[in-house]
């Protein structure tokens, strides 16, 4: 994967993932908007075949996500936050370690195989606004639609914040064995400039003051 800019081989099927790549500087704002628009259009087009289910499809509102019966709104939002956090955090881990990148496609179905039985009855486990948007357009059911925007956005932002914080700590500890380097002194060790070397020597190793007189015998 090109770390400077996305290539044609890169695929973003969830706008929360697109947001993550944009926040860490891997996507421009213009590209991110284009991906999000395409994702919502794809969600609607992908939901059209649900109409072929007929009575069976209409009995489940064509796969629309709605809050589970008996669950409060904060609980439903929390369910979306937690599941989205798990998805984005897992992606960060698998994409962040080269040894795990090959297994990223296998990780996602395994993760959902765990999360769906645990959380589907709470919120329908959307973790993706477009996933909820498409079936809602087809079925006309918009109960609690805003939950599937707020929950995934919060979960995605939290996951990115936590992963970025951990990655920064690991980088600093690996390179400098310190938790922070506010003065940037240790970072300059990587590519020191001659003037910086002289200045640092003057600061760290001042000329010692004479403690007495030497007598030549």
N, C-alpha and C. Protein backbone atom coordinates (compact mmCIF):
# COMPACT_ATOMS: atom_id res chain seq x y z
N UNK A 1 0.84 -1.19 0.00
CA UNK A 1 0.00 0.00 0.00
C UNK A 1 0.88 1.24 0.00
N UNK A 2 0.62 2.15 -0.88
CA UNK A 2 1.35 3.40 -0.92
C UNK A 2 0.95 4.26 0.25
N UNK A 3 1.89 4.65 1.07
CA UNK A 3 1.56 5.39 2.28
C UNK A 3 1.39 6.88 2.02
N UNK A 4 1.73 7.37 0.81
CA UNK A 4 1.62 8.78 0.53
C UNK A 4 0.26 9.15 -0.03
N UNK A 5 -0.27 8.32 -0.92
CA UNK A 5 -1.58 8.60 -1.50
C UNK A 5 -2.19 7.29 -1.96
N UNK A 6 -3.53 7.22 -1.95
CA UNK A 6 -4.18 5.97 -2.32
C UNK A 6 -4.00 5.68 -3.81
N UNK A 7 -3.91 4.43 -4.15
CA UNK A 7 -3.82 4.02 -5.54
C UNK A 7 -5.14 3.42 -5.97
N UNK A 8 -5.21 3.05 -7.26
CA UNK A 8 -6.46 2.48 -7.76
C UNK A 8 -6.76 1.13 -7.13
N UNK A 9 -5.75 0.49 -6.58
CA UNK A 9 -5.96 -0.82 -5.97
C UNK A 9 -6.54 -0.73 -4.58
N UNK A 10 -6.51 0.47 -3.99
CA UNK A 10 -7.02 0.62 -2.64
C UNK A 10 -8.54 0.72 -2.67
N UNK A 11 -9.18 0.15 -1.67
CA UNK A 11 -10.63 0.05 -1.65
C UNK A 11 -11.15 0.47 -0.28
N UNK A 12 -12.06 1.44 -0.29
CA UNK A 12 -12.69 1.91 0.94
C UNK A 12 -14.19 1.70 0.80
N UNK A 13 -14.73 0.70 1.49
CA UNK A 13 -16.14 0.41 1.37
C UNK A 13 -16.94 0.96 2.54
N UNK A 14 -16.28 1.55 3.53
CA UNK A 14 -16.98 2.12 4.68
C UNK A 14 -16.49 3.54 4.89
N UNK A 15 -17.42 4.46 5.04
CA UNK A 15 -17.03 5.86 5.19
C UNK A 15 -16.32 6.12 6.51
N UNK A 16 -16.53 5.26 7.52
CA UNK A 16 -15.78 5.40 8.76
C UNK A 16 -14.31 5.11 8.52
N UNK A 17 -14.02 4.10 7.70
CA UNK A 17 -12.64 3.80 7.34
C UNK A 17 -12.06 4.94 6.50
N UNK A 18 -12.87 5.48 5.59
CA UNK A 18 -12.44 6.62 4.79
C UNK A 18 -12.09 7.80 5.70
N UNK A 19 -12.92 8.05 6.70
CA UNK A 19 -12.65 9.13 7.64
C UNK A 19 -11.34 8.90 8.37
N UNK A 20 -11.08 7.65 8.73
CA UNK A 20 -9.84 7.35 9.43
C UNK A 20 -8.62 7.65 8.57
N UNK A 21 -8.65 7.23 7.31
CA UNK A 21 -7.52 7.50 6.42
C UNK A 21 -7.36 9.00 6.18
N UNK A 22 -8.48 9.73 6.14
CA UNK A 22 -8.40 11.19 5.96
C UNK A 22 -7.81 11.86 7.19
N UNK A 23 -8.19 11.42 8.38
CA UNK A 23 -7.70 12.02 9.60
C UNK A 23 -6.20 11.81 9.80
N UNK A 24 -5.69 10.68 9.35
CA UNK A 24 -4.25 10.42 9.50
C UNK A 24 -3.45 10.91 8.31
N UNK A 25 -4.11 11.64 7.39
CA UNK A 25 -3.39 12.27 6.30
C UNK A 25 -3.12 11.40 5.10
N UNK A 26 -3.78 10.24 4.99
CA UNK A 26 -3.58 9.35 3.86
C UNK A 26 -4.53 9.63 2.71
N UNK A 27 -5.51 10.50 2.92
CA UNK A 27 -6.45 10.90 1.88
C UNK A 27 -6.64 12.40 1.93
N UNK A 28 -6.78 13.02 0.77
CA UNK A 28 -7.13 14.44 0.73
C UNK A 28 -8.62 14.59 1.01
N UNK A 29 -9.03 15.79 1.39
CA UNK A 29 -10.44 16.03 1.65
C UNK A 29 -11.31 15.79 0.42
N UNK A 30 -10.79 16.18 -0.73
CA UNK A 30 -11.54 15.99 -1.97
C UNK A 30 -11.74 14.50 -2.27
N UNK A 31 -10.69 13.72 -2.09
CA UNK A 31 -10.80 12.27 -2.34
C UNK A 31 -11.74 11.62 -1.34
N UNK A 32 -11.67 12.05 -0.07
CA UNK A 32 -12.53 11.48 0.96
C UNK A 32 -14.01 11.73 0.64
N UNK A 33 -14.32 12.94 0.21
CA UNK A 33 -15.71 13.25 -0.14
C UNK A 33 -16.18 12.38 -1.30
N UNK A 34 -15.31 12.22 -2.29
CA UNK A 34 -15.66 11.36 -3.42
C UNK A 34 -15.94 9.93 -3.01
N UNK A 35 -15.11 9.41 -2.11
CA UNK A 35 -15.32 8.04 -1.62
C UNK A 35 -16.65 7.93 -0.87
N UNK A 36 -16.95 8.91 -0.02
CA UNK A 36 -18.17 8.85 0.78
C UNK A 36 -19.41 8.90 -0.12
N UNK A 37 -19.41 9.79 -1.10
CA UNK A 37 -20.55 9.88 -2.03
C UNK A 37 -20.72 8.55 -2.77
N UNK A 38 -19.62 7.98 -3.23
CA UNK A 38 -19.70 6.70 -3.94
C UNK A 38 -20.21 5.60 -3.02
N UNK A 39 -19.81 5.62 -1.76
CA UNK A 39 -20.24 4.59 -0.81
C UNK A 39 -21.75 4.67 -0.56
N UNK A 40 -22.29 5.87 -0.44
CA UNK A 40 -23.73 6.00 -0.21
C UNK A 40 -24.52 5.62 -1.46
N UNK A 41 -24.02 6.00 -2.62
CA UNK A 41 -24.69 5.58 -3.85
C UNK A 41 -24.65 4.06 -4.00
N UNK A 42 -23.51 3.47 -3.69
CA UNK A 42 -23.39 2.02 -3.75
C UNK A 42 -24.31 1.32 -2.77
N UNK A 43 -24.51 1.93 -1.59
CA UNK A 43 -25.39 1.32 -0.60
C UNK A 43 -26.83 1.27 -1.10
N UNK A 44 -27.26 2.33 -1.77
CA UNK A 44 -28.63 2.36 -2.30
C UNK A 44 -28.77 1.35 -3.44
N UNK A 45 -27.82 1.35 -4.35
CA UNK A 45 -27.88 0.41 -5.47
C UNK A 45 -27.80 -1.04 -4.99
N UNK A 46 -26.97 -1.28 -3.98
CA UNK A 46 -26.84 -2.63 -3.46
C UNK A 46 -28.07 -3.11 -2.72
N UNK A 47 -28.91 -2.17 -2.27
CA UNK A 47 -30.14 -2.53 -1.55
C UNK A 47 -31.31 -2.79 -2.49
N UNK A 48 -31.21 -2.37 -3.73
CA UNK A 48 -32.32 -2.56 -4.66
C UNK A 48 -32.70 -4.03 -4.85
N UNK A 49 -31.73 -4.95 -4.96
CA UNK A 49 -32.11 -6.37 -5.10
C UNK A 49 -32.92 -6.91 -3.93
N UNK A 50 -32.89 -6.21 -2.78
CA UNK A 50 -33.68 -6.68 -1.64
C UNK A 50 -35.17 -6.66 -1.95
N UNK A 51 -35.56 -5.84 -2.92
CA UNK A 51 -36.98 -5.79 -3.30
C UNK A 51 -37.44 -7.12 -3.90
N UNK A 52 -36.50 -7.88 -4.42
CA UNK A 52 -36.86 -9.17 -5.01
C UNK A 52 -37.26 -10.19 -3.95
N UNK A 53 -36.97 -9.91 -2.71
CA UNK A 53 -37.33 -10.85 -1.65
C UNK A 53 -38.83 -10.90 -1.42
N UNK A 54 -39.53 -9.89 -1.91
CA UNK A 54 -40.98 -9.86 -1.76
C UNK A 54 -41.43 -9.79 -0.30
N UNK A 55 -42.36 -10.67 0.06
CA UNK A 55 -42.92 -10.66 1.40
C UNK A 55 -41.86 -10.95 2.46
N UNK A 56 -40.93 -11.84 2.14
CA UNK A 56 -39.89 -12.15 3.12
C UNK A 56 -39.01 -10.93 3.38
N UNK A 57 -38.71 -10.18 2.34
CA UNK A 57 -37.90 -8.99 2.52
C UNK A 57 -38.62 -7.90 3.28
N UNK A 58 -39.89 -7.70 2.97
CA UNK A 58 -40.65 -6.65 3.66
C UNK A 58 -40.90 -7.00 5.12
N UNK A 59 -40.90 -8.30 5.46
CA UNK A 59 -41.14 -8.69 6.85
C UNK A 59 -40.00 -8.28 7.76
N UNK A 60 -38.82 -8.09 7.21
CA UNK A 60 -37.67 -7.64 8.01
C UNK A 60 -37.23 -6.24 7.59
N UNK A 61 -38.14 -5.51 6.90
CA UNK A 61 -37.87 -4.15 6.46
C UNK A 61 -36.60 -4.09 5.60
N UNK A 62 -36.39 -5.14 4.82
CA UNK A 62 -35.28 -5.19 3.86
C UNK A 62 -33.92 -4.94 4.51
N UNK A 63 -33.75 -5.48 5.70
CA UNK A 63 -32.45 -5.41 6.36
C UNK A 63 -32.12 -4.09 7.01
N UNK A 64 -33.12 -3.25 7.22
CA UNK A 64 -32.86 -1.95 7.85
C UNK A 64 -32.43 -2.14 9.30
N UNK A 65 -31.55 -1.28 9.78
CA UNK A 65 -31.11 -1.34 11.17
C UNK A 65 -31.97 -0.41 12.01
N UNK A 66 -32.53 -0.95 13.08
CA UNK A 66 -33.35 -0.17 14.01
C UNK A 66 -32.97 -0.55 15.43
N UNK A 67 -33.18 0.36 16.38
CA UNK A 67 -32.88 0.03 17.78
C UNK A 67 -33.68 -1.19 18.25
N UNK A 68 -33.02 -2.04 19.01
CA UNK A 68 -33.68 -3.23 19.52
C UNK A 68 -34.74 -2.90 20.56
N UNK A 69 -35.77 -3.72 20.62
CA UNK A 69 -36.85 -3.51 21.59
C UNK A 69 -36.34 -3.72 23.01
N UNK A 70 -36.71 -2.80 23.86
CA UNK A 70 -36.33 -2.90 25.26
C UNK A 70 -34.99 -2.25 25.59
N UNK A 71 -34.30 -1.71 24.59
CA UNK A 71 -33.01 -1.05 24.82
C UNK A 71 -33.17 0.46 24.73
N UNK A 72 -32.54 1.16 25.65
CA UNK A 72 -32.61 2.62 25.64
C UNK A 72 -31.71 3.18 24.54
N UNK A 73 -31.96 4.43 24.17
CA UNK A 73 -31.17 5.08 23.13
C UNK A 73 -29.68 5.13 23.50
N UNK A 74 -29.33 5.53 24.75
CA UNK A 74 -27.89 5.52 25.08
C UNK A 74 -27.24 4.14 24.94
N UNK A 75 -27.99 3.10 25.27
CA UNK A 75 -27.44 1.74 25.13
C UNK A 75 -27.21 1.38 23.68
N UNK A 76 -28.14 1.77 22.82
CA UNK A 76 -28.01 1.48 21.39
C UNK A 76 -26.81 2.23 20.82
N UNK A 77 -26.67 3.51 21.19
CA UNK A 77 -25.52 4.29 20.72
C UNK A 77 -24.23 3.68 21.21
N UNK A 78 -24.21 3.26 22.48
CA UNK A 78 -23.01 2.63 23.02
C UNK A 78 -22.64 1.36 22.26
N UNK A 79 -23.65 0.61 21.87
CA UNK A 79 -23.39 -0.61 21.09
C UNK A 79 -22.71 -0.29 19.77
N UNK A 80 -23.17 0.76 19.10
CA UNK A 80 -22.55 1.17 17.84
C UNK A 80 -21.14 1.72 18.06
N UNK A 81 -20.97 2.44 19.15
CA UNK A 81 -19.64 2.99 19.46
C UNK A 81 -18.63 1.86 19.68
N UNK A 82 -19.03 0.88 20.49
CA UNK A 82 -18.10 -0.21 20.83
C UNK A 82 -17.77 -1.05 19.60
N UNK A 83 -18.78 -1.42 18.82
CA UNK A 83 -18.52 -2.27 17.66
C UNK A 83 -17.68 -1.53 16.60
N UNK A 84 -17.97 -0.24 16.40
CA UNK A 84 -17.16 0.52 15.44
C UNK A 84 -15.74 0.68 15.94
N UNK A 85 -15.59 0.92 17.24
CA UNK A 85 -14.26 1.03 17.83
C UNK A 85 -13.47 -0.26 17.59
N UNK A 86 -14.10 -1.40 17.81
CA UNK A 86 -13.42 -2.68 17.61
C UNK A 86 -12.99 -2.86 16.16
N UNK A 87 -13.86 -2.48 15.22
CA UNK A 87 -13.55 -2.64 13.80
C UNK A 87 -12.36 -1.76 13.40
N UNK A 88 -12.42 -0.48 13.75
CA UNK A 88 -11.36 0.44 13.33
C UNK A 88 -10.05 0.12 14.05
N UNK A 89 -10.13 -0.22 15.32
CA UNK A 89 -8.91 -0.57 16.06
C UNK A 89 -8.26 -1.82 15.47
N UNK A 90 -9.08 -2.81 15.12
CA UNK A 90 -8.54 -4.03 14.52
C UNK A 90 -7.89 -3.73 13.18
N UNK A 91 -8.51 -2.86 12.39
CA UNK A 91 -7.92 -2.48 11.11
C UNK A 91 -6.59 -1.76 11.31
N UNK A 92 -6.53 -0.87 12.29
CA UNK A 92 -5.28 -0.16 12.58
C UNK A 92 -4.16 -1.13 12.96
N UNK A 93 -4.50 -2.13 13.76
CA UNK A 93 -3.49 -3.10 14.20
C UNK A 93 -3.02 -3.94 13.02
N UNK A 94 -3.96 -4.45 12.23
CA UNK A 94 -3.59 -5.34 11.14
C UNK A 94 -2.88 -4.60 10.02
N UNK A 95 -3.25 -3.34 9.79
CA UNK A 95 -2.58 -2.57 8.74
C UNK A 95 -1.27 -1.97 9.25
N UNK A 96 -1.16 -1.80 10.55
CA UNK A 96 0.03 -1.20 11.12
C UNK A 96 1.21 -2.15 11.22
N UNK A 97 0.94 -3.45 11.27
CA UNK A 97 2.00 -4.44 11.35
C UNK A 97 2.07 -5.21 10.04
N UNK A 98 3.22 -5.13 9.41
CA UNK A 98 3.37 -5.73 8.09
C UNK A 98 3.10 -7.23 8.10
N UNK A 99 3.44 -7.90 9.20
CA UNK A 99 3.23 -9.34 9.26
C UNK A 99 1.75 -9.70 9.27
N UNK A 100 0.88 -8.78 9.68
CA UNK A 100 -0.54 -9.07 9.79
C UNK A 100 -1.36 -8.59 8.60
N UNK A 101 -0.79 -7.74 7.75
CA UNK A 101 -1.57 -7.14 6.67
C UNK A 101 -2.20 -8.18 5.76
N UNK A 102 -1.49 -9.26 5.51
CA UNK A 102 -2.01 -10.30 4.61
C UNK A 102 -3.29 -10.92 5.14
N UNK A 103 -3.48 -10.89 6.46
CA UNK A 103 -4.63 -11.55 7.08
C UNK A 103 -5.79 -10.59 7.35
N UNK A 104 -5.68 -9.34 6.91
CA UNK A 104 -6.74 -8.35 7.16
C UNK A 104 -8.09 -8.80 6.58
N UNK A 105 -8.17 -9.29 5.34
CA UNK A 105 -9.48 -9.74 4.83
C UNK A 105 -10.11 -10.85 5.66
N UNK A 106 -9.29 -11.71 6.24
CA UNK A 106 -9.84 -12.80 7.06
C UNK A 106 -10.25 -12.31 8.44
N UNK A 107 -9.61 -11.23 8.91
CA UNK A 107 -9.93 -10.71 10.23
C UNK A 107 -11.34 -10.16 10.30
N UNK A 108 -11.79 -9.48 9.25
CA UNK A 108 -13.09 -8.79 9.30
C UNK A 108 -14.26 -9.76 9.48
N UNK A 109 -14.40 -10.83 8.69
CA UNK A 109 -15.52 -11.75 8.95
C UNK A 109 -15.41 -12.45 10.30
N UNK A 110 -14.19 -12.72 10.74
CA UNK A 110 -14.04 -13.34 12.07
C UNK A 110 -14.50 -12.38 13.16
N UNK A 111 -14.17 -11.11 13.01
CA UNK A 111 -14.59 -10.11 14.00
C UNK A 111 -16.11 -9.98 14.04
N UNK A 112 -16.73 -9.92 12.86
CA UNK A 112 -18.18 -9.79 12.83
C UNK A 112 -18.87 -11.06 13.29
N UNK A 113 -18.24 -12.20 13.11
CA UNK A 113 -18.81 -13.44 13.60
C UNK A 113 -18.90 -13.44 15.13
N UNK A 114 -18.04 -12.65 15.76
CA UNK A 114 -18.09 -12.51 17.22
C UNK A 114 -19.06 -11.41 17.63
N UNK A 115 -19.02 -10.27 16.92
CA UNK A 115 -19.81 -9.11 17.33
C UNK A 115 -21.29 -9.25 17.02
N UNK A 116 -21.63 -9.86 15.90
CA UNK A 116 -23.05 -9.93 15.51
C UNK A 116 -23.91 -10.66 16.53
N UNK A 117 -23.53 -11.86 17.00
CA UNK A 117 -24.39 -12.52 18.01
C UNK A 117 -24.49 -11.73 19.31
N UNK A 118 -23.46 -10.95 19.63
CA UNK A 118 -23.46 -10.22 20.90
C UNK A 118 -24.22 -8.90 20.83
N UNK A 119 -24.22 -8.25 19.64
CA UNK A 119 -24.74 -6.89 19.59
C UNK A 119 -25.88 -6.68 18.61
N UNK A 120 -26.13 -7.61 17.72
CA UNK A 120 -27.15 -7.40 16.69
C UNK A 120 -28.52 -7.09 17.28
N UNK A 121 -28.86 -7.71 18.38
CA UNK A 121 -30.18 -7.47 18.98
C UNK A 121 -30.29 -6.10 19.64
N UNK A 122 -29.17 -5.45 19.85
CA UNK A 122 -29.17 -4.13 20.50
C UNK A 122 -29.42 -3.03 19.49
N UNK A 123 -28.61 -2.98 18.43
CA UNK A 123 -28.73 -1.90 17.46
C UNK A 123 -28.82 -2.38 16.02
N UNK A 124 -28.62 -3.67 15.78
CA UNK A 124 -28.56 -4.15 14.40
C UNK A 124 -27.15 -4.15 13.85
N UNK A 125 -26.19 -3.69 14.65
CA UNK A 125 -24.75 -3.63 14.34
C UNK A 125 -24.51 -3.09 12.93
N UNK A 126 -24.66 -1.79 12.81
CA UNK A 126 -24.41 -1.12 11.54
C UNK A 126 -22.93 -0.86 11.31
N UNK A 127 -22.28 -0.15 12.26
CA UNK A 127 -20.89 0.30 12.22
C UNK A 127 -20.55 1.04 10.93
N UNK A 128 -21.57 1.45 10.19
CA UNK A 128 -21.35 2.07 8.89
C UNK A 128 -22.62 2.81 8.48
N UNK A 129 -22.62 4.14 8.46
CA UNK A 129 -23.84 4.88 8.10
C UNK A 129 -24.42 4.48 6.76
N UNK A 130 -23.59 4.19 5.77
CA UNK A 130 -24.10 3.81 4.46
C UNK A 130 -24.83 2.48 4.51
N UNK A 131 -24.36 1.56 5.37
CA UNK A 131 -25.03 0.27 5.49
C UNK A 131 -26.46 0.44 5.98
N UNK A 132 -26.69 1.44 6.84
CA UNK A 132 -28.05 1.71 7.33
C UNK A 132 -28.83 2.58 6.34
N UNK A 133 -28.13 3.42 5.63
CA UNK A 133 -28.79 4.35 4.71
C UNK A 133 -29.47 3.63 3.55
N UNK A 134 -28.78 2.67 2.93
CA UNK A 134 -29.33 1.98 1.77
C UNK A 134 -30.65 1.28 2.06
N UNK A 135 -30.71 0.40 3.05
CA UNK A 135 -31.98 -0.27 3.36
C UNK A 135 -33.08 0.70 3.79
N UNK A 136 -32.71 1.81 4.45
CA UNK A 136 -33.72 2.78 4.87
C UNK A 136 -34.35 3.46 3.66
N UNK A 137 -33.56 3.75 2.64
CA UNK A 137 -34.10 4.35 1.42
C UNK A 137 -35.08 3.39 0.74
N UNK A 138 -34.73 2.11 0.71
CA UNK A 138 -35.58 1.13 0.04
C UNK A 138 -36.85 0.85 0.83
N UNK A 139 -36.71 0.73 2.15
CA UNK A 139 -37.86 0.35 2.98
C UNK A 139 -38.68 1.54 3.45
N UNK A 140 -38.09 2.71 3.50
CA UNK A 140 -38.79 3.88 4.02
C UNK A 140 -38.83 3.93 5.54
N UNK A 141 -38.08 3.07 6.20
CA UNK A 141 -38.03 3.02 7.66
C UNK A 141 -36.81 3.82 8.12
N UNK A 142 -37.06 4.87 8.90
CA UNK A 142 -35.98 5.74 9.35
C UNK A 142 -35.95 5.86 10.88
N UNK A 143 -36.42 4.85 11.57
CA UNK A 143 -36.44 4.89 13.03
C UNK A 143 -35.02 4.95 13.58
N UNK A 144 -34.75 6.02 14.30
CA UNK A 144 -33.43 6.18 14.93
C UNK A 144 -32.28 6.25 13.95
N UNK A 145 -32.53 6.79 12.76
CA UNK A 145 -31.49 6.81 11.72
C UNK A 145 -30.24 7.55 12.19
N UNK A 146 -30.42 8.60 13.02
CA UNK A 146 -29.28 9.42 13.44
C UNK A 146 -28.32 8.63 14.34
N UNK A 147 -28.83 7.59 14.99
CA UNK A 147 -27.97 6.77 15.86
C UNK A 147 -26.84 6.14 15.05
N UNK A 148 -27.14 5.78 13.80
CA UNK A 148 -26.18 5.07 12.98
C UNK A 148 -25.22 6.02 12.26
N UNK A 149 -25.33 7.30 12.60
CA UNK A 149 -24.32 8.29 12.25
C UNK A 149 -23.48 8.64 13.47
N UNK A 150 -24.18 8.93 14.56
CA UNK A 150 -23.48 9.37 15.77
C UNK A 150 -22.61 8.27 16.35
N UNK A 151 -23.18 7.06 16.52
CA UNK A 151 -22.42 5.97 17.13
C UNK A 151 -21.15 5.60 16.38
N UNK A 152 -21.23 5.30 15.07
CA UNK A 152 -20.02 4.97 14.33
C UNK A 152 -18.99 6.10 14.28
N UNK A 153 -19.46 7.34 14.19
CA UNK A 153 -18.52 8.46 14.15
C UNK A 153 -17.74 8.56 15.46
N UNK A 154 -18.45 8.43 16.58
CA UNK A 154 -17.77 8.49 17.88
C UNK A 154 -16.82 7.32 18.03
N UNK A 155 -17.28 6.12 17.71
CA UNK A 155 -16.43 4.94 17.83
C UNK A 155 -15.20 5.01 16.94
N UNK A 156 -15.38 5.50 15.72
CA UNK A 156 -14.25 5.62 14.81
C UNK A 156 -13.24 6.64 15.28
N UNK A 157 -13.72 7.79 15.75
CA UNK A 157 -12.81 8.83 16.24
C UNK A 157 -12.04 8.36 17.47
N UNK A 158 -12.72 7.67 18.37
CA UNK A 158 -12.04 7.16 19.56
C UNK A 158 -10.97 6.14 19.19
N UNK A 159 -11.29 5.25 18.26
CA UNK A 159 -10.32 4.22 17.86
C UNK A 159 -9.09 4.86 17.23
N UNK A 160 -9.29 5.84 16.37
CA UNK A 160 -8.17 6.50 15.72
C UNK A 160 -7.32 7.26 16.73
N UNK A 161 -8.00 7.92 17.67
CA UNK A 161 -7.26 8.67 18.70
C UNK A 161 -6.41 7.73 19.56
N UNK A 162 -7.00 6.62 19.98
CA UNK A 162 -6.27 5.68 20.83
C UNK A 162 -5.11 5.05 20.06
N UNK A 163 -5.37 4.61 18.84
CA UNK A 163 -4.31 3.95 18.05
C UNK A 163 -3.18 4.92 17.73
N UNK A 164 -3.52 6.16 17.41
CA UNK A 164 -2.47 7.14 17.14
C UNK A 164 -1.64 7.41 18.38
N UNK A 165 -2.29 7.46 19.53
CA UNK A 165 -1.57 7.70 20.78
C UNK A 165 -0.62 6.56 21.09
N UNK A 166 -1.10 5.32 20.92
CA UNK A 166 -0.25 4.16 21.19
C UNK A 166 0.90 4.08 20.19
N UNK A 167 0.62 4.38 18.93
CA UNK A 167 1.67 4.33 17.91
C UNK A 167 2.74 5.36 18.20
N UNK A 168 2.35 6.54 18.66
CA UNK A 168 3.32 7.59 18.98
C UNK A 168 4.19 7.18 20.15
N UNK A 169 3.56 6.58 21.18
CA UNK A 169 4.33 6.15 22.34
C UNK A 169 5.33 5.06 21.96
N UNK A 170 4.90 4.12 21.11
CA UNK A 170 5.79 3.04 20.71
C UNK A 170 6.96 3.60 19.90
N UNK A 171 6.68 4.56 19.02
CA UNK A 171 7.75 5.14 18.19
C UNK A 171 8.76 5.87 19.06
N UNK A 172 8.27 6.68 19.99
CA UNK A 172 9.18 7.43 20.85
C UNK A 172 9.99 6.50 21.73
N UNK A 173 9.34 5.48 22.29
CA UNK A 173 10.06 4.56 23.16
C UNK A 173 11.11 3.77 22.39
N UNK A 174 10.80 3.42 21.15
CA UNK A 174 11.72 2.62 20.36
C UNK A 174 12.94 3.43 19.95
N UNK A 175 12.72 4.69 19.59
CA UNK A 175 13.82 5.49 19.08
C UNK A 175 14.63 6.16 20.17
N UNK A 176 13.95 6.61 21.22
CA UNK A 176 14.63 7.45 22.19
C UNK A 176 14.57 6.92 23.62
N UNK A 177 13.75 5.87 23.85
CA UNK A 177 13.60 5.31 25.19
C UNK A 177 13.07 6.35 26.17
N UNK A 178 12.32 7.31 25.66
CA UNK A 178 11.67 8.31 26.49
C UNK A 178 10.21 8.39 26.08
N UNK A 179 9.35 8.80 27.03
CA UNK A 179 7.92 8.92 26.74
C UNK A 179 7.63 10.15 25.89
N UNK A 180 8.45 11.18 26.00
CA UNK A 180 8.24 12.39 25.23
C UNK A 180 9.58 13.08 25.00
N UNK A 181 9.59 13.98 24.04
CA UNK A 181 10.80 14.72 23.70
C UNK A 181 10.39 16.15 23.35
N UNK A 182 9.95 16.93 24.35
CA UNK A 182 9.38 18.25 24.06
C UNK A 182 10.36 19.20 23.39
N UNK A 183 11.66 19.10 23.69
CA UNK A 183 12.64 20.01 23.11
C UNK A 183 13.15 19.53 21.77
N UNK A 184 12.81 18.30 21.38
CA UNK A 184 13.28 17.77 20.12
C UNK A 184 14.76 17.45 20.10
N UNK A 185 15.39 17.40 21.27
CA UNK A 185 16.83 17.19 21.33
C UNK A 185 17.21 15.79 20.84
N UNK A 186 16.39 14.78 21.21
CA UNK A 186 16.74 13.41 20.84
C UNK A 186 16.42 13.13 19.38
N UNK A 187 15.42 13.83 18.84
CA UNK A 187 15.13 13.66 17.43
C UNK A 187 16.25 14.20 16.55
N UNK A 188 16.94 15.21 17.02
CA UNK A 188 18.03 15.78 16.24
C UNK A 188 19.22 14.84 16.17
N UNK A 189 19.25 13.84 17.06
CA UNK A 189 20.35 12.88 17.03
C UNK A 189 20.33 12.08 15.73
N UNK A 190 19.12 11.90 15.14
CA UNK A 190 19.03 11.11 13.91
C UNK A 190 19.76 11.79 12.77
N UNK A 191 19.58 13.09 12.61
CA UNK A 191 20.21 13.83 11.54
C UNK A 191 20.81 15.12 12.10
N UNK A 192 21.84 15.03 12.86
CA UNK A 192 22.39 16.22 13.48
C UNK A 192 23.09 17.10 12.46
N UNK A 193 22.94 18.40 12.63
CA UNK A 193 23.63 19.36 11.81
C UNK A 193 24.89 19.83 12.54
N UNK A 194 25.93 20.23 11.79
CA UNK A 194 27.18 20.64 12.45
C UNK A 194 26.97 21.75 13.46
N UNK A 195 26.14 22.75 13.10
CA UNK A 195 25.92 23.86 14.02
C UNK A 195 25.20 23.40 15.28
N UNK A 196 24.27 22.41 15.12
CA UNK A 196 23.55 21.90 16.27
C UNK A 196 24.48 21.11 17.19
N UNK A 197 25.42 20.37 16.58
CA UNK A 197 26.35 19.60 17.39
C UNK A 197 27.19 20.53 18.25
N UNK A 198 27.72 21.60 17.63
CA UNK A 198 28.54 22.55 18.38
C UNK A 198 27.72 23.22 19.47
N UNK A 199 26.48 23.62 19.14
CA UNK A 199 25.64 24.29 20.13
C UNK A 199 25.30 23.37 21.28
N UNK A 200 24.97 22.10 20.97
CA UNK A 200 24.63 21.16 22.03
C UNK A 200 25.83 20.87 22.91
N UNK A 201 27.03 20.80 22.30
CA UNK A 201 28.22 20.57 23.11
C UNK A 201 28.46 21.72 24.08
N UNK A 202 28.20 22.94 23.62
CA UNK A 202 28.39 24.09 24.49
C UNK A 202 27.39 24.10 25.63
N UNK A 203 26.17 23.64 25.32
CA UNK A 203 25.13 23.65 26.35
C UNK A 203 25.35 22.55 27.36
N UNK A 204 25.65 21.35 26.86
CA UNK A 204 25.73 20.19 27.74
C UNK A 204 27.09 20.03 28.40
N UNK A 205 28.12 20.55 27.77
CA UNK A 205 29.46 20.39 28.31
C UNK A 205 30.16 21.75 28.37
N UNK A 206 29.74 22.61 29.29
CA UNK A 206 30.36 23.93 29.40
C UNK A 206 31.80 23.80 29.83
N UNK A 207 32.57 24.83 29.48
CA UNK A 207 33.97 24.84 29.87
C UNK A 207 34.10 24.85 31.38
N UNK A 208 34.86 23.93 31.96
CA UNK A 208 34.98 23.89 33.42
C UNK A 208 35.76 25.08 33.93
N UNK A 209 35.32 25.56 35.10
CA UNK A 209 36.02 26.68 35.72
C UNK A 209 37.25 26.15 36.45
N UNK A 210 38.35 26.88 36.35
CA UNK A 210 39.56 26.43 37.05
C UNK A 210 39.34 26.41 38.55
N UNK A 211 39.73 25.32 39.18
CA UNK A 211 39.56 25.17 40.62
C UNK A 211 40.80 25.60 41.40
N UNK A 212 41.90 25.81 40.74
CA UNK A 212 43.12 26.24 41.43
C UNK A 212 44.23 26.46 40.47
N UNK A 213 45.36 26.75 40.94
CA UNK A 213 46.51 27.04 40.09
C UNK A 213 47.42 25.81 40.06
N UNK A 214 47.95 25.57 38.85
CA UNK A 214 48.90 24.48 38.69
C UNK A 214 50.31 25.02 38.90
N UNK A 215 51.10 24.35 39.68
CA UNK A 215 52.47 24.80 39.97
C UNK A 215 53.42 23.87 39.25
N UNK A 216 54.22 24.46 38.40
CA UNK A 216 55.18 23.71 37.63
C UNK A 216 56.48 23.60 38.44
N UNK A 217 56.76 22.39 38.82
CA UNK A 217 57.99 22.17 39.58
C UNK A 217 59.08 21.59 38.69
